[in-house]
């Protein structure tokens, strides 16, 4: 699909200046790393199940996503490094949960958007 383009050039200098300043203030690299963490299907599954359950131990995460504890730990470590999850230790057991409600909202919005796209595609 080709994106539509303007047929004439009419740059709105004032708006462009404000938007360029907004881009200067944006830490696009950090935000893109955040979305890169979301882009992996296994990590997204982990985040999604953590929206359904307040906290899960590594073993439970591994069982739910049908991967080894080592694989689950790897993905949880990546999510931890990106500030998307947090953990607590209880003896030898490590429990993970979403870092905050912003993460929950991002996951919920992504799921809702995906479901809406599925509905749109099935209507056509």
PDB file of N, CA and C in Angstrom:
ATOM      1  N   UNK A   1       0.842  -1.177   0.000  1.00  0.00           N
ATOM      2  CA  UNK A   1       0.000   0.000   0.000  1.00  0.00           C
ATOM      3  C   UNK A   1       0.888   1.241   0.000  1.00  0.00           C
ATOM      4  N   UNK A   2       0.642   2.134  -0.928  1.00  0.00           N
ATOM      5  CA  UNK A   2       1.409   3.375  -1.017  1.00  0.00           C
ATOM      6  C   UNK A   2       0.721   4.446  -0.166  1.00  0.00           C
ATOM      7  N   UNK A   3       1.525   5.155   0.649  1.00  0.00           N
ATOM      8  CA  UNK A   3       0.986   6.219   1.486  1.00  0.00           C
ATOM      9  C   UNK A   3       0.664   7.438   0.636  1.00  0.00           C
ATOM     10  N   UNK A   4      -0.494   8.055   0.880  1.00  0.00           N
ATOM     11  CA  UNK A   4      -0.834   9.273   0.129  1.00  0.00           C
ATOM     12  C   UNK A   4       0.148  10.400   0.458  1.00  0.00           C
ATOM     13  N   UNK A   5       0.418  11.258  -0.508  1.00  0.00           N
ATOM     14  CA  UNK A   5       1.333  12.378  -0.317  1.00  0.00           C
ATOM     15  C   UNK A   5       0.646  13.676  -0.717  1.00  0.00           C
ATOM     16  N   UNK A   6       1.134  14.771  -0.120  1.00  0.00           N
ATOM     17  CA  UNK A   6       0.619  16.086  -0.504  1.00  0.00           C
ATOM     18  C   UNK A   6       0.966  16.348  -1.967  1.00  0.00           C
ATOM     19  N   UNK A   7       0.096  17.067  -2.629  1.00  0.00           N
ATOM     20  CA  UNK A   7       0.350  17.429  -4.024  1.00  0.00           C
ATOM     21  C   UNK A   7       0.971  18.806  -4.143  1.00  0.00           C
ATOM     22  N   UNK A   8       1.105  19.494  -3.012  1.00  0.00           N
ATOM     23  CA  UNK A   8       1.734  20.810  -2.984  1.00  0.00           C
ATOM     24  C   UNK A   8       2.527  20.941  -1.686  1.00  0.00           C
ATOM     25  N   UNK A   9       3.472  21.852  -1.653  1.00  0.00           N
ATOM     26  CA  UNK A   9       4.261  22.071  -0.445  1.00  0.00           C
ATOM     27  C   UNK A   9       3.793  23.358   0.205  1.00  0.00           C
ATOM     28  N   UNK A  10       3.302  23.245   1.433  1.00  0.00           N
ATOM     29  CA  UNK A  10       2.822  24.392   2.193  1.00  0.00           C
ATOM     30  C   UNK A  10       3.235  24.203   3.649  1.00  0.00           C
ATOM     31  N   UNK A  11       4.507  24.456   3.944  1.00  0.00           N
ATOM     32  CA  UNK A  11       5.047  24.230   5.288  1.00  0.00           C
ATOM     33  C   UNK A  11       4.527  25.311   6.231  1.00  0.00           C
ATOM     34  N   UNK A  12       4.026  24.853   7.398  1.00  0.00           N
ATOM     35  CA  UNK A  12       3.534  25.763   8.432  1.00  0.00           C
ATOM     36  C   UNK A  12       4.678  25.980   9.419  1.00  0.00           C
ATOM     37  N   UNK A  13       5.460  27.026   9.173  1.00  0.00           N
ATOM     38  CA  UNK A  13       6.718  27.244   9.883  1.00  0.00           C
ATOM     39  C   UNK A  13       6.578  27.296  11.400  1.00  0.00           C
ATOM     40  N   UNK A  14       5.553  27.938  11.914  1.00  0.00           N
ATOM     41  CA  UNK A  14       5.395  28.049  13.365  1.00  0.00           C
ATOM     42  C   UNK A  14       5.164  26.675  13.987  1.00  0.00           C
ATOM     43  N   UNK A  15       4.247  25.902  13.424  1.00  0.00           N
ATOM     44  CA  UNK A  15       3.960  24.564  13.946  1.00  0.00           C
ATOM     45  C   UNK A  15       5.177  23.649  13.814  1.00  0.00           C
ATOM     46  N   UNK A  16       5.871  23.749  12.682  1.00  0.00           N
ATOM     47  CA  UNK A  16       7.056  22.929  12.462  1.00  0.00           C
ATOM     48  C   UNK A  16       8.116  23.244  13.521  1.00  0.00           C
ATOM     49  N   UNK A  17       8.304  24.504  13.832  1.00  0.00           N
ATOM     50  CA  UNK A  17       9.286  24.896  14.850  1.00  0.00           C
ATOM     51  C   UNK A  17       8.949  24.311  16.217  1.00  0.00           C
ATOM     52  N   UNK A  18       7.684  24.382  16.599  1.00  0.00           N
ATOM     53  CA  UNK A  18       7.249  23.824  17.888  1.00  0.00           C
ATOM     54  C   UNK A  18       7.475  22.308  17.906  1.00  0.00           C
ATOM     55  N   UNK A  19       7.128  21.647  16.813  1.00  0.00           N
ATOM     56  CA  UNK A  19       7.286  20.189  16.739  1.00  0.00           C
ATOM     57  C   UNK A  19       8.759  19.770  16.715  1.00  0.00           C
ATOM     58  N   UNK A  20       9.601  20.574  16.042  1.00  0.00           N
ATOM     59  CA  UNK A  20      11.032  20.270  16.043  1.00  0.00           C
ATOM     60  C   UNK A  20      11.608  20.388  17.448  1.00  0.00           C
ATOM     61  N   UNK A  21      11.139  21.369  18.217  1.00  0.00           N
ATOM     62  CA  UNK A  21      11.590  21.515  19.605  1.00  0.00           C
ATOM     63  C   UNK A  21      11.132  20.314  20.432  1.00  0.00           C
ATOM     64  N   UNK A  22       9.907  19.855  20.201  1.00  0.00           N
ATOM     65  CA  UNK A  22       9.406  18.681  20.919  1.00  0.00           C
ATOM     66  C   UNK A  22      10.277  17.465  20.619  1.00  0.00           C
ATOM     67  N   UNK A  23      10.718  17.321  19.376  1.00  0.00           N
ATOM     68  CA  UNK A  23      11.604  16.208  19.016  1.00  0.00           C
ATOM     69  C   UNK A  23      12.973  16.341  19.672  1.00  0.00           C
ATOM     70  N   UNK A  24      13.447  17.564  19.817  1.00  0.00           N
ATOM     71  CA  UNK A  24      14.724  17.799  20.476  1.00  0.00           C
ATOM     72  C   UNK A  24      14.658  17.346  21.929  1.00  0.00           C
ATOM     73  N   UNK A  25      13.522  17.575  22.571  1.00  0.00           N
ATOM     74  CA  UNK A  25      13.336  17.218  23.976  1.00  0.00           C
ATOM     75  C   UNK A  25      13.057  15.731  24.178  1.00  0.00           C
ATOM     76  N   UNK A  26      12.696  15.021  23.127  1.00  0.00           N
ATOM     77  CA  UNK A  26      12.331  13.612  23.203  1.00  0.00           C
ATOM     78  C   UNK A  26      13.569  12.710  23.249  1.00  0.00           C
ATOM     79  N   UNK A  27      13.568  11.760  24.154  1.00  0.00           N
ATOM     80  CA  UNK A  27      14.635  10.753  24.183  1.00  0.00           C
ATOM     81  C   UNK A  27      14.146   9.562  23.358  1.00  0.00           C
ATOM     82  N   UNK A  28      14.216   9.706  22.043  1.00  0.00           N
ATOM     83  CA  UNK A  28      13.658   8.711  21.124  1.00  0.00           C
ATOM     84  C   UNK A  28      14.365   7.366  21.246  1.00  0.00           C
ATOM     85  N   UNK A  29      15.637   7.375  21.544  1.00  0.00           N
ATOM     86  CA  UNK A  29      16.373   6.113  21.674  1.00  0.00           C
ATOM     87  C   UNK A  29      15.842   5.310  22.849  1.00  0.00           C
ATOM     88  N   UNK A  30      15.628   5.969  23.955  1.00  0.00           N
ATOM     89  CA  UNK A  30      15.115   5.274  25.150  1.00  0.00           C
ATOM     90  C   UNK A  30      13.711   4.742  24.904  1.00  0.00           C
ATOM     91  N   UNK A  31      12.865   5.547  24.310  1.00  0.00           N
ATOM     92  CA  UNK A  31      11.492   5.118  24.040  1.00  0.00           C
ATOM     93  C   UNK A  31      11.468   3.978  23.023  1.00  0.00           C
ATOM     94  N   UNK A  32      12.335   4.038  22.024  1.00  0.00           N
ATOM     95  CA  UNK A  32      12.364   2.966  21.020  1.00  0.00           C
ATOM     96  C   UNK A  32      12.856   1.659  21.643  1.00  0.00           C
ATOM     97  N   UNK A  33      13.770   1.734  22.617  1.00  0.00           N
ATOM     98  CA  UNK A  33      14.205   0.514  23.322  1.00  0.00           C
ATOM     99  C   UNK A  33      13.046  -0.095  24.092  1.00  0.00           C
ATOM    100  N   UNK A  34      12.211   0.762  24.660  1.00  0.00           N
ATOM    101  CA  UNK A  34      11.025   0.295  25.376  1.00  0.00           C
ATOM    102  C   UNK A  34      10.115  -0.484  24.436  1.00  0.00           C
ATOM    103  N   UNK A  35       9.853   0.078  23.263  1.00  0.00           N
ATOM    104  CA  UNK A  35       8.982  -0.606  22.314  1.00  0.00           C
ATOM    105  C   UNK A  35       9.653  -1.833  21.712  1.00  0.00           C
ATOM    106  N   UNK A  36      10.974  -1.831  21.646  1.00  0.00           N
ATOM    107  CA  UNK A  36      11.681  -3.021  21.180  1.00  0.00           C
ATOM    108  C   UNK A  36      11.433  -4.174  22.149  1.00  0.00           C
ATOM    109  N   UNK A  37      11.394  -3.865  23.441  1.00  0.00           N
ATOM    110  CA  UNK A  37      11.093  -4.900  24.434  1.00  0.00           C
ATOM    111  C   UNK A  37       9.692  -5.458  24.218  1.00  0.00           C
ATOM    112  N   UNK A  38       8.761  -4.596  23.843  1.00  0.00           N
ATOM    113  CA  UNK A  38       7.387  -5.020  23.553  1.00  0.00           C
ATOM    114  C   UNK A  38       7.303  -5.814  22.245  1.00  0.00           C
ATOM    115  N   UNK A  39       8.252  -5.604  21.349  1.00  0.00           N
ATOM    116  CA  UNK A  39       8.173  -6.184  20.004  1.00  0.00           C
ATOM    117  C   UNK A  39       8.416  -7.687  19.974  1.00  0.00           C
ATOM    118  N   UNK A  40       9.028  -8.233  21.001  1.00  0.00           N
ATOM    119  CA  UNK A  40       9.274  -9.669  21.030  1.00  0.00           C
ATOM    120  C   UNK A  40       7.995 -10.384  21.499  1.00  0.00           C
ATOM    121  N   UNK A  41       7.475 -11.340  20.726  1.00  0.00           N
ATOM    122  CA  UNK A  41       6.221 -12.019  21.090  1.00  0.00           C
ATOM    123  C   UNK A  41       6.262 -12.702  22.455  1.00  0.00           C
ATOM    124  N   UNK A  42       7.391 -13.295  22.818  1.00  0.00           N
ATOM    125  CA  UNK A  42       7.469 -13.964  24.123  1.00  0.00           C
ATOM    126  C   UNK A  42       7.422 -12.950  25.255  1.00  0.00           C
ATOM    127  N   UNK A  43       8.154 -11.849  25.104  1.00  0.00           N
ATOM    128  CA  UNK A  43       8.121 -10.816  26.150  1.00  0.00           C
ATOM    129  C   UNK A  43       6.736 -10.194  26.255  1.00  0.00           C
ATOM    130  N   UNK A  44       6.071 -10.028  25.133  1.00  0.00           N
ATOM    131  CA  UNK A  44       4.711  -9.483  25.180  1.00  0.00           C
ATOM    132  C   UNK A  44       3.777 -10.439  25.919  1.00  0.00           C
ATOM    133  N   UNK A  45       3.951 -11.729  25.696  1.00  0.00           N
ATOM    134  CA  UNK A  45       3.144 -12.719  26.428  1.00  0.00           C
ATOM    135  C   UNK A  45       3.395 -12.609  27.930  1.00  0.00           C
ATOM    136  N   UNK A  46       4.658 -12.460  28.306  1.00  0.00           N
ATOM    137  CA  UNK A  46       4.997 -12.316  29.716  1.00  0.00           C
ATOM    138  C   UNK A  46       4.317 -11.079  30.292  1.00  0.00           C
ATOM    139  N   UNK A  47       4.429  -9.962  29.592  1.00  0.00           N
ATOM    140  CA  UNK A  47       3.794  -8.731  30.062  1.00  0.00           C
ATOM    141  C   UNK A  47       2.278  -8.899  30.153  1.00  0.00           C
ATOM    142  N   UNK A  48       1.709  -9.558  29.157  1.00  0.00           N
ATOM    143  CA  UNK A  48       0.255  -9.752  29.156  1.00  0.00           C
ATOM    144  C   UNK A  48      -0.200 -10.587  30.353  1.00  0.00           C
ATOM    145  N   UNK A  49       0.479 -11.702  30.627  1.00  0.00           N
ATOM    146  CA  UNK A  49       0.046 -12.515  31.769  1.00  0.00           C
ATOM    147  C   UNK A  49       0.233 -11.762  33.077  1.00  0.00           C
ATOM    148  N   UNK A  50       1.208 -10.851  33.120  1.00  0.00           N
ATOM    149  CA  UNK A  50       1.374 -10.045  34.326  1.00  0.00           C
ATOM    150  C   UNK A  50       0.310  -8.956  34.448  1.00  0.00           C
ATOM    151  N   UNK A  51      -0.430  -8.683  33.373  1.00  0.00           N
ATOM    152  CA  UNK A  51      -1.599  -7.804  33.516  1.00  0.00           C
ATOM    153  C   UNK A  51      -2.781  -8.591  34.071  1.00  0.00           C
ATOM    154  N   UNK A  52      -2.755  -9.902  33.893  1.00  0.00           N
ATOM    155  CA  UNK A  52      -3.852 -10.767  34.364  1.00  0.00           C
ATOM    156  C   UNK A  52      -3.640 -11.241  35.798  1.00  0.00           C
ATOM    157  N   UNK A  53      -2.396 -11.356  36.194  1.00  0.00           N
ATOM    158  CA  UNK A  53      -2.033 -11.826  37.534  1.00  0.00           C
ATOM    159  C   UNK A  53      -1.067 -10.815  38.132  1.00  0.00           C
ATOM    160  N   UNK A  54      -1.312 -10.389  39.366  1.00  0.00           N
ATOM    161  CA  UNK A  54      -0.520  -9.321  39.981  1.00  0.00           C
ATOM    162  C   UNK A  54       0.966  -9.644  40.016  1.00  0.00           C
ATOM    163  N   UNK A  55       1.320 -10.886  40.346  1.00  0.00           N
ATOM    164  CA  UNK A  55       2.718 -11.284  40.331  1.00  0.00           C
ATOM    165  C   UNK A  55       2.807 -12.786  40.099  1.00  0.00           C
ATOM    166  N   UNK A  56       3.915 -13.175  39.492  1.00  0.00           N
ATOM    167  CA  UNK A  56       4.162 -14.580  39.201  1.00  0.00           C
ATOM    168  C   UNK A  56       5.622 -14.889  39.454  1.00  0.00           C
ATOM    169  N   UNK A  57       5.895 -16.102  39.945  1.00  0.00           N
ATOM    170  CA  UNK A  57       7.294 -16.507  40.095  1.00  0.00           C
ATOM    171  C   UNK A  57       7.817 -16.939  38.729  1.00  0.00           C
ATOM    172  N   UNK A  58       9.120 -17.004  38.606  1.00  0.00           N
ATOM    173  CA  UNK A  58       9.763 -17.352  37.344  1.00  0.00           C
ATOM    174  C   UNK A  58       9.252 -18.701  36.837  1.00  0.00           C
ATOM    175  N   UNK A  59       9.101 -19.665  37.738  1.00  0.00           N
ATOM    176  CA  UNK A  59       8.623 -21.004  37.335  1.00  0.00           C
ATOM    177  C   UNK A  59       7.227 -20.933  36.724  1.00  0.00           C
ATOM    178  N   UNK A  60       6.349 -20.121  37.322  1.00  0.00           N
ATOM    179  CA  UNK A  60       4.994 -19.984  36.784  1.00  0.00           C
ATOM    180  C   UNK A  60       5.008 -19.288  35.427  1.00  0.00           C
ATOM    181  N   UNK A  61       5.827 -18.266  35.294  1.00  0.00           N
ATOM    182  CA  UNK A  61       5.949 -17.578  34.005  1.00  0.00           C
ATOM    183  C   UNK A  61       6.404 -18.571  32.943  1.00  0.00           C
ATOM    184  N   UNK A  62       7.426 -19.359  33.267  1.00  0.00           N
ATOM    185  CA  UNK A  62       7.947 -20.351  32.319  1.00  0.00           C
ATOM    186  C   UNK A  62       6.858 -21.340  31.921  1.00  0.00           C
ATOM    187  N   UNK A  63       6.087 -21.806  32.885  1.00  0.00           N
ATOM    188  CA  UNK A  63       5.024 -22.776  32.590  1.00  0.00           C
ATOM    189  C   UNK A  63       3.937 -22.164  31.714  1.00  0.00           C
ATOM    190  N   UNK A  64       3.565 -20.927  32.000  1.00  0.00           N
ATOM    191  CA  UNK A  64       2.501 -20.268  31.242  1.00  0.00           C
ATOM    192  C   UNK A  64       2.921 -20.041  29.788  1.00  0.00           C
ATOM    193  N   UNK A  65       4.160 -19.591  29.583  1.00  0.00           N
ATOM    194  CA  UNK A  65       4.603 -19.295  28.210  1.00  0.00           C
ATOM    195  C   UNK A  65       5.191 -20.524  27.513  1.00  0.00           C
ATOM    196  N   UNK A  66       5.220 -21.648  28.236  1.00  0.00           N
ATOM    197  CA  UNK A  66       5.684 -22.928  27.688  1.00  0.00           C
ATOM    198  C   UNK A  66       7.138 -22.857  27.207  1.00  0.00           C
ATOM    199  N   UNK A  67       7.985 -22.290  28.086  1.00  0.00           N
ATOM    200  CA  UNK A  67       9.419 -22.211  27.833  1.00  0.00           C
ATOM    201  C   UNK A  67      10.146 -22.651  29.098  1.00  0.00           C
ATOM    202  N   UNK A  68      11.442 -22.820  28.988  1.00  0.00           N
ATOM    203  CA  UNK A  68      12.242 -23.208  30.146  1.00  0.00           C
ATOM    204  C   UNK A  68      12.359 -22.042  31.131  1.00  0.00           C
ATOM    205  N   UNK A  69      12.754 -22.383  32.367  1.00  0.00           N
ATOM    206  CA  UNK A  69      12.997 -21.335  33.358  1.00  0.00           C
ATOM    207  C   UNK A  69      14.091 -20.385  32.881  1.00  0.00           C
ATOM    208  N   UNK A  70      15.113 -20.938  32.210  1.00  0.00           N
ATOM    209  CA  UNK A  70      16.212 -20.104  31.707  1.00  0.00           C
ATOM    210  C   UNK A  70      15.700 -19.092  30.678  1.00  0.00           C
ATOM    211  N   UNK A  71      14.845 -19.533  29.769  1.00  0.00           N
ATOM    212  CA  UNK A  71      14.288 -18.629  28.752  1.00  0.00           C
ATOM    213  C   UNK A  71      13.401 -17.575  29.396  1.00  0.00           C
ATOM    214  N   UNK A  72      12.551 -18.009  30.331  1.00  0.00           N
ATOM    215  CA  UNK A  72      11.688 -17.053  31.035  1.00  0.00           C
ATOM    216  C   UNK A  72      12.536 -16.032  31.785  1.00  0.00           C
ATOM    217  N   UNK A  73      13.583 -16.494  32.450  1.00  0.00           N
ATOM    218  CA  UNK A  73      14.468 -15.589  33.192  1.00  0.00           C
ATOM    219  C   UNK A  73      15.137 -14.590  32.271  1.00  0.00           C
ATOM    220  N   UNK A  74      15.570 -15.052  31.104  1.00  0.00           N
ATOM    221  CA  UNK A  74      16.193 -14.158  30.118  1.00  0.00           C
ATOM    222  C   UNK A  74      15.235 -13.038  29.721  1.00  0.00           C
ATOM    223  N   UNK A  75      13.993 -13.398  29.407  1.00  0.00           N
ATOM    224  CA  UNK A  75      13.021 -12.381  28.988  1.00  0.00           C
ATOM    225  C   UNK A  75      12.660 -11.462  30.155  1.00  0.00           C
ATOM    226  N   UNK A  76      12.534 -12.018  31.338  1.00  0.00           N
ATOM    227  CA  UNK A  76      12.228 -11.188  32.506  1.00  0.00           C
ATOM    228  C   UNK A  76      13.368 -10.222  32.801  1.00  0.00           C
ATOM    229  N   UNK A  77      14.605 -10.678  32.616  1.00  0.00           N
ATOM    230  CA  UNK A  77      15.758  -9.789  32.821  1.00  0.00           C
ATOM    231  C   UNK A  77      15.729  -8.620  31.834  1.00  0.00           C
ATOM    232  N   UNK A  78      15.404  -8.907  30.579  1.00  0.00           N
ATOM    233  CA  UNK A  78      15.298  -7.849  29.576  1.00  0.00           C
ATOM    234  C   UNK A  78      14.208  -6.858  29.957  1.00  0.00           C
ATOM    235  N   UNK A  79      13.068  -7.364  30.388  1.00  0.00           N
ATOM    236  CA  UNK A  79      11.963  -6.491  30.802  1.00  0.00           C
ATOM    237  C   UNK A  79      12.338  -5.679  32.041  1.00  0.00           C
ATOM    238  N   UNK A  80      13.100  -6.286  32.938  1.00  0.00           N
ATOM    239  CA  UNK A  80      13.572  -5.589  34.133  1.00  0.00           C
ATOM    240  C   UNK A  80      14.522  -4.456  33.751  1.00  0.00           C
ATOM    241  N   UNK A  81      15.442  -4.733  32.834  1.00  0.00           N
ATOM    242  CA  UNK A  81      16.404  -3.723  32.383  1.00  0.00           C
ATOM    243  C   UNK A  81      15.707  -2.542  31.717  1.00  0.00           C
ATOM    244  N   UNK A  82      14.567  -2.784  31.094  1.00  0.00           N
ATOM    245  CA  UNK A  82      13.824  -1.704  30.441  1.00  0.00           C
ATOM    246  C   UNK A  82      12.855  -1.009  31.398  1.00  0.00           C
ATOM    247  N   UNK A  83      12.818  -1.440  32.643  1.00  0.00           N
ATOM    248  CA  UNK A  83      11.951  -0.803  33.635  1.00  0.00           C
ATOM    249  C   UNK A  83      10.484  -1.170  33.473  1.00  0.00           C
ATOM    250  N   UNK A  84      10.214  -2.305  32.840  1.00  0.00           N
ATOM    251  CA  UNK A  84       8.828  -2.715  32.615  1.00  0.00           C
ATOM    252  C   UNK A  84       8.303  -3.637  33.708  1.00  0.00           C
ATOM    253  N   UNK A  85       9.197  -4.354  34.367  1.00  0.00           N
ATOM    254  CA  UNK A  85       8.799  -5.218  35.476  1.00  0.00           C
ATOM    255  C   UNK A  85       9.696  -4.932  36.675  1.00  0.00           C
ATOM    256  N   UNK A  86       9.243  -5.379  37.820  1.00  0.00           N
ATOM    257  CA  UNK A  86      10.035  -5.323  39.047  1.00  0.00           C
ATOM    258  C   UNK A  86       9.955  -6.702  39.691  1.00  0.00           C
ATOM    259  N   UNK A  87      10.775  -6.941  40.696  1.00  0.00           N
ATOM    260  CA  UNK A  87      10.747  -8.253  41.335  1.00  0.00           C
ATOM    261  C   UNK A  87      10.889  -8.120  42.838  1.00  0.00           C
ATOM    262  N   UNK A  88      10.530  -9.216  43.505  1.00  0.00           N
ATOM    263  CA  UNK A  88      10.786  -9.335  44.935  1.00  0.00           C
ATOM    264  C   UNK A  88      11.187 -10.777  45.193  1.00  0.00           C
ATOM    265  N   UNK A  89      12.054 -10.956  46.161  1.00  0.00           N
ATOM    266  CA  UNK A  89      12.508 -12.297  46.531  1.00  0.00           C
ATOM    267  C   UNK A  89      11.814 -12.714  47.815  1.00  0.00           C
ATOM    268  N   UNK A  90      11.412 -13.971  47.843  1.00  0.00           N
ATOM    269  CA  UNK A  90      10.848 -14.569  49.046  1.00  0.00           C
ATOM    270  C   UNK A  90      11.597 -15.879  49.247  1.00  0.00           C
ATOM    271  N   UNK A  91      12.655 -15.831  50.034  1.00  0.00           N
ATOM    272  CA  UNK A  91      13.521 -16.997  50.175  1.00  0.00           C
ATOM    273  C   UNK A  91      14.253 -17.246  48.867  1.00  0.00           C
ATOM    274  N   UNK A  92      14.047 -18.429  48.298  1.00  0.00           N
ATOM    275  CA  UNK A  92      14.700 -18.781  47.039  1.00  0.00           C
ATOM    276  C   UNK A  92      13.808 -18.530  45.825  1.00  0.00           C
ATOM    277  N   UNK A  93      12.620 -18.012  46.062  1.00  0.00           N
ATOM    278  CA  UNK A  93      11.668 -17.786  44.976  1.00  0.00           C
ATOM    279  C   UNK A  93      11.659 -16.305  44.602  1.00  0.00           C
ATOM    280  N   UNK A  94      11.686 -16.025  43.292  1.00  0.00           N
ATOM    281  CA  UNK A  94      11.645 -14.647  42.792  1.00  0.00           C
ATOM    282  C   UNK A  94      10.305 -14.423  42.109  1.00  0.00           C
ATOM    283  N   UNK A  95       9.598 -13.391  42.540  1.00  0.00           N
ATOM    284  CA  UNK A  95       8.296 -13.034  41.979  1.00  0.00           C
ATOM    285  C   UNK A  95       8.435 -11.761  41.156  1.00  0.00           C
ATOM    286  N   UNK A  96       7.814 -11.759  39.989  1.00  0.00           N
ATOM    287  CA  UNK A  96       7.836 -10.591  39.113  1.00  0.00           C
ATOM    288  C   UNK A  96       6.440 -10.006  39.002  1.00  0.00           C
ATOM    289  N   UNK A  97       6.397  -8.696  38.823  1.00  0.00           N
ATOM    290  CA  UNK A  97       5.140  -7.977  38.579  1.00  0.00           C
ATOM    291  C   UNK A  97       5.446  -6.809  37.652  1.00  0.00           C
ATOM    292  N   UNK A  98       4.395  -6.213  37.117  1.00  0.00           N
ATOM    293  CA  UNK A  98       4.588  -5.037  36.272  1.00  0.00           C
ATOM    294  C   UNK A  98       5.141  -3.902  37.117  1.00  0.00           C
ATOM    295  N   UNK A  99       5.981  -3.087  36.525  1.00  0.00           N
ATOM    296  CA  UNK A  99       6.619  -2.009  37.274  1.00  0.00           C
ATOM    297  C   UNK A  99       5.623  -0.965  37.755  1.00  0.00           C
ATOM    298  N   UNK A 100       4.651  -0.636  36.916  1.00  0.00           N
ATOM    299  CA  UNK A 100       3.644   0.346  37.322  1.00  0.00           C
ATOM    300  C   UNK A 100       2.440   0.284  36.381  1.00  0.00           C
ATOM    301  N   UNK A 101       1.461   1.134  36.651  1.00  0.00           N
ATOM    302  CA  UNK A 101       0.235   1.124  35.842  1.00  0.00           C
ATOM    303  C   UNK A 101       0.460   1.601  34.414  1.00  0.00           C
ATOM    304  N   UNK A 102       1.532   2.374  34.169  1.00  0.00           N
ATOM    305  CA  UNK A 102       1.822   2.793  32.791  1.00  0.00           C
ATOM    306  C   UNK A 102       2.071   1.571  31.913  1.00  0.00           C
ATOM    307  N   UNK A 103       2.811   0.616  32.440  1.00  0.00           N
ATOM    308  CA  UNK A 103       3.104  -0.601  31.684  1.00  0.00           C
ATOM    309  C   UNK A 103       1.812  -1.363  31.429  1.00  0.00           C
ATOM    310  N   UNK A 104       0.988  -1.495  32.455  1.00  0.00           N
ATOM    311  CA  UNK A 104      -0.310  -2.169  32.307  1.00  0.00           C
ATOM    312  C   UNK A 104      -1.136  -1.498  31.207  1.00  0.00           C
ATOM    313  N   UNK A 105      -1.184  -0.183  31.228  1.00  0.00           N
ATOM    314  CA  UNK A 105      -1.957   0.555  30.218  1.00  0.00           C
ATOM    315  C   UNK A 105      -1.401   0.338  28.813  1.00  0.00           C
ATOM    316  N   UNK A 106      -0.073   0.362  28.670  1.00  0.00           N
ATOM    317  CA  UNK A 106       0.527   0.127  27.353  1.00  0.00           C
ATOM    318  C   UNK A 106       0.129  -1.245  26.809  1.00  0.00           C
ATOM    319  N   UNK A 107       0.201  -2.265  27.659  1.00  0.00           N
ATOM    320  CA  UNK A 107      -0.166  -3.619  27.234  1.00  0.00           C
ATOM    321  C   UNK A 107      -1.649  -3.679  26.892  1.00  0.00           C
ATOM    322  N   UNK A 108      -2.492  -3.127  27.743  1.00  0.00           N
ATOM    323  CA  UNK A 108      -3.942  -3.170  27.515  1.00  0.00           C
ATOM    324  C   UNK A 108      -4.323  -2.413  26.243  1.00  0.00           C
ATOM    325  N   UNK A 109      -3.709  -1.260  26.018  1.00  0.00           N
ATOM    326  CA  UNK A 109      -3.997  -0.481  24.817  1.00  0.00           C
ATOM    327  C   UNK A 109      -3.536  -1.239  23.575  1.00  0.00           C
ATOM    328  N   UNK A 110      -2.362  -1.856  23.639  1.00  0.00           N
ATOM    329  CA  UNK A 110      -1.866  -2.635  22.494  1.00  0.00           C
ATOM    330  C   UNK A 110      -2.803  -3.790  22.182  1.00  0.00           C
ATOM    331  N   UNK A 111      -3.276  -4.466  23.207  1.00  0.00           N
ATOM    332  CA  UNK A 111      -4.195  -5.596  22.999  1.00  0.00           C
ATOM    333  C   UNK A 111      -5.521  -5.113  22.423  1.00  0.00           C
ATOM    334  N   UNK A 112      -6.029  -4.018  22.941  1.00  0.00           N
ATOM    335  CA  UNK A 112      -7.294  -3.471  22.432  1.00  0.00           C
ATOM    336  C   UNK A 112      -7.138  -3.032  20.979  1.00  0.00           C
ATOM    337  N   UNK A 113      -6.026  -2.407  20.659  1.00  0.00           N
ATOM    338  CA  UNK A 113      -5.784  -1.964  19.287  1.00  0.00           C
ATOM    339  C   UNK A 113      -5.697  -3.160  18.345  1.00  0.00           C
ATOM    340  N   UNK A 114      -5.003  -4.201  18.783  1.00  0.00           N
ATOM    341  CA  UNK A 114      -4.877  -5.405  17.968  1.00  0.00           C
ATOM    342  C   UNK A 114      -6.238  -6.056  17.729  1.00  0.00           C
ATOM    343  N   UNK A 115      -7.052  -6.131  18.770  1.00  0.00           N
ATOM    344  CA  UNK A 115      -8.389  -6.715  18.637  1.00  0.00           C
ATOM    345  C   UNK A 115      -9.251  -5.881  17.695  1.00  0.00           C
ATOM    346  N   UNK A 116      -9.102  -4.557  17.780  1.00  0.00           N
ATOM    347  CA  UNK A 116      -9.862  -3.666  16.899  1.00  0.00           C
ATOM    348  C   UNK A 116      -9.440  -3.857  15.446  1.00  0.00           C
ATOM    349  N   UNK A 117      -8.136  -4.025  15.207  1.00  0.00           N
ATOM    350  CA  UNK A 117      -7.655  -4.286  13.848  1.00  0.00           C
ATOM    351  C   UNK A 117      -8.182  -5.610  13.325  1.00  0.00           C
ATOM    352  N   UNK A 118      -8.229  -6.634  14.203  1.00  0.00           N
ATOM    353  CA  UNK A 118      -8.766  -7.935  13.800  1.00  0.00           C
ATOM    354  C   UNK A 118     -10.223  -7.808  13.363  1.00  0.00           C
ATOM    355  N   UNK A 119     -11.001  -7.008  14.118  1.00  0.00           N
ATOM    356  CA  UNK A 119     -12.406  -6.803  13.775  1.00  0.00           C
ATOM    357  C   UNK A 119     -12.550  -6.078  12.446  1.00  0.00           C
ATOM    358  N   UNK A 120     -11.704  -5.055  12.230  1.00  0.00           N
ATOM    359  CA  UNK A 120     -11.741  -4.281  10.996  1.00  0.00           C
ATOM    360  C   UNK A 120     -11.403  -5.177   9.808  1.00  0.00           C
ATOM    361  N   UNK A 121     -10.379  -6.003   9.969  1.00  0.00           N
ATOM    362  CA  UNK A 121      -9.955  -6.893   8.882  1.00  0.00           C
ATOM    363  C   UNK A 121     -11.027  -7.937   8.568  1.00  0.00           C
ATOM    364  N   UNK A 122     -11.738  -8.407   9.587  1.00  0.00           N
ATOM    365  CA  UNK A 122     -12.771  -9.413   9.347  1.00  0.00           C
ATOM    366  C   UNK A 122     -14.026  -8.801   8.710  1.00  0.00           C
ATOM    367  N   UNK A 123     -14.211  -7.497   8.870  1.00  0.00           N
ATOM    368  CA  UNK A 123     -15.359  -6.820   8.252  1.00  0.00           C
ATOM    369  C   UNK A 123     -15.153  -6.570   6.767  1.00  0.00           C
ATOM    370  N   UNK A 124     -13.906  -6.568   6.307  1.00  0.00           N
ATOM    371  CA  UNK A 124     -13.650  -6.263   4.907  1.00  0.00           C
ATOM    372  C   UNK A 124     -13.651  -7.494   4.041  1.00  0.00           C
TER     373      UNK A 124
END
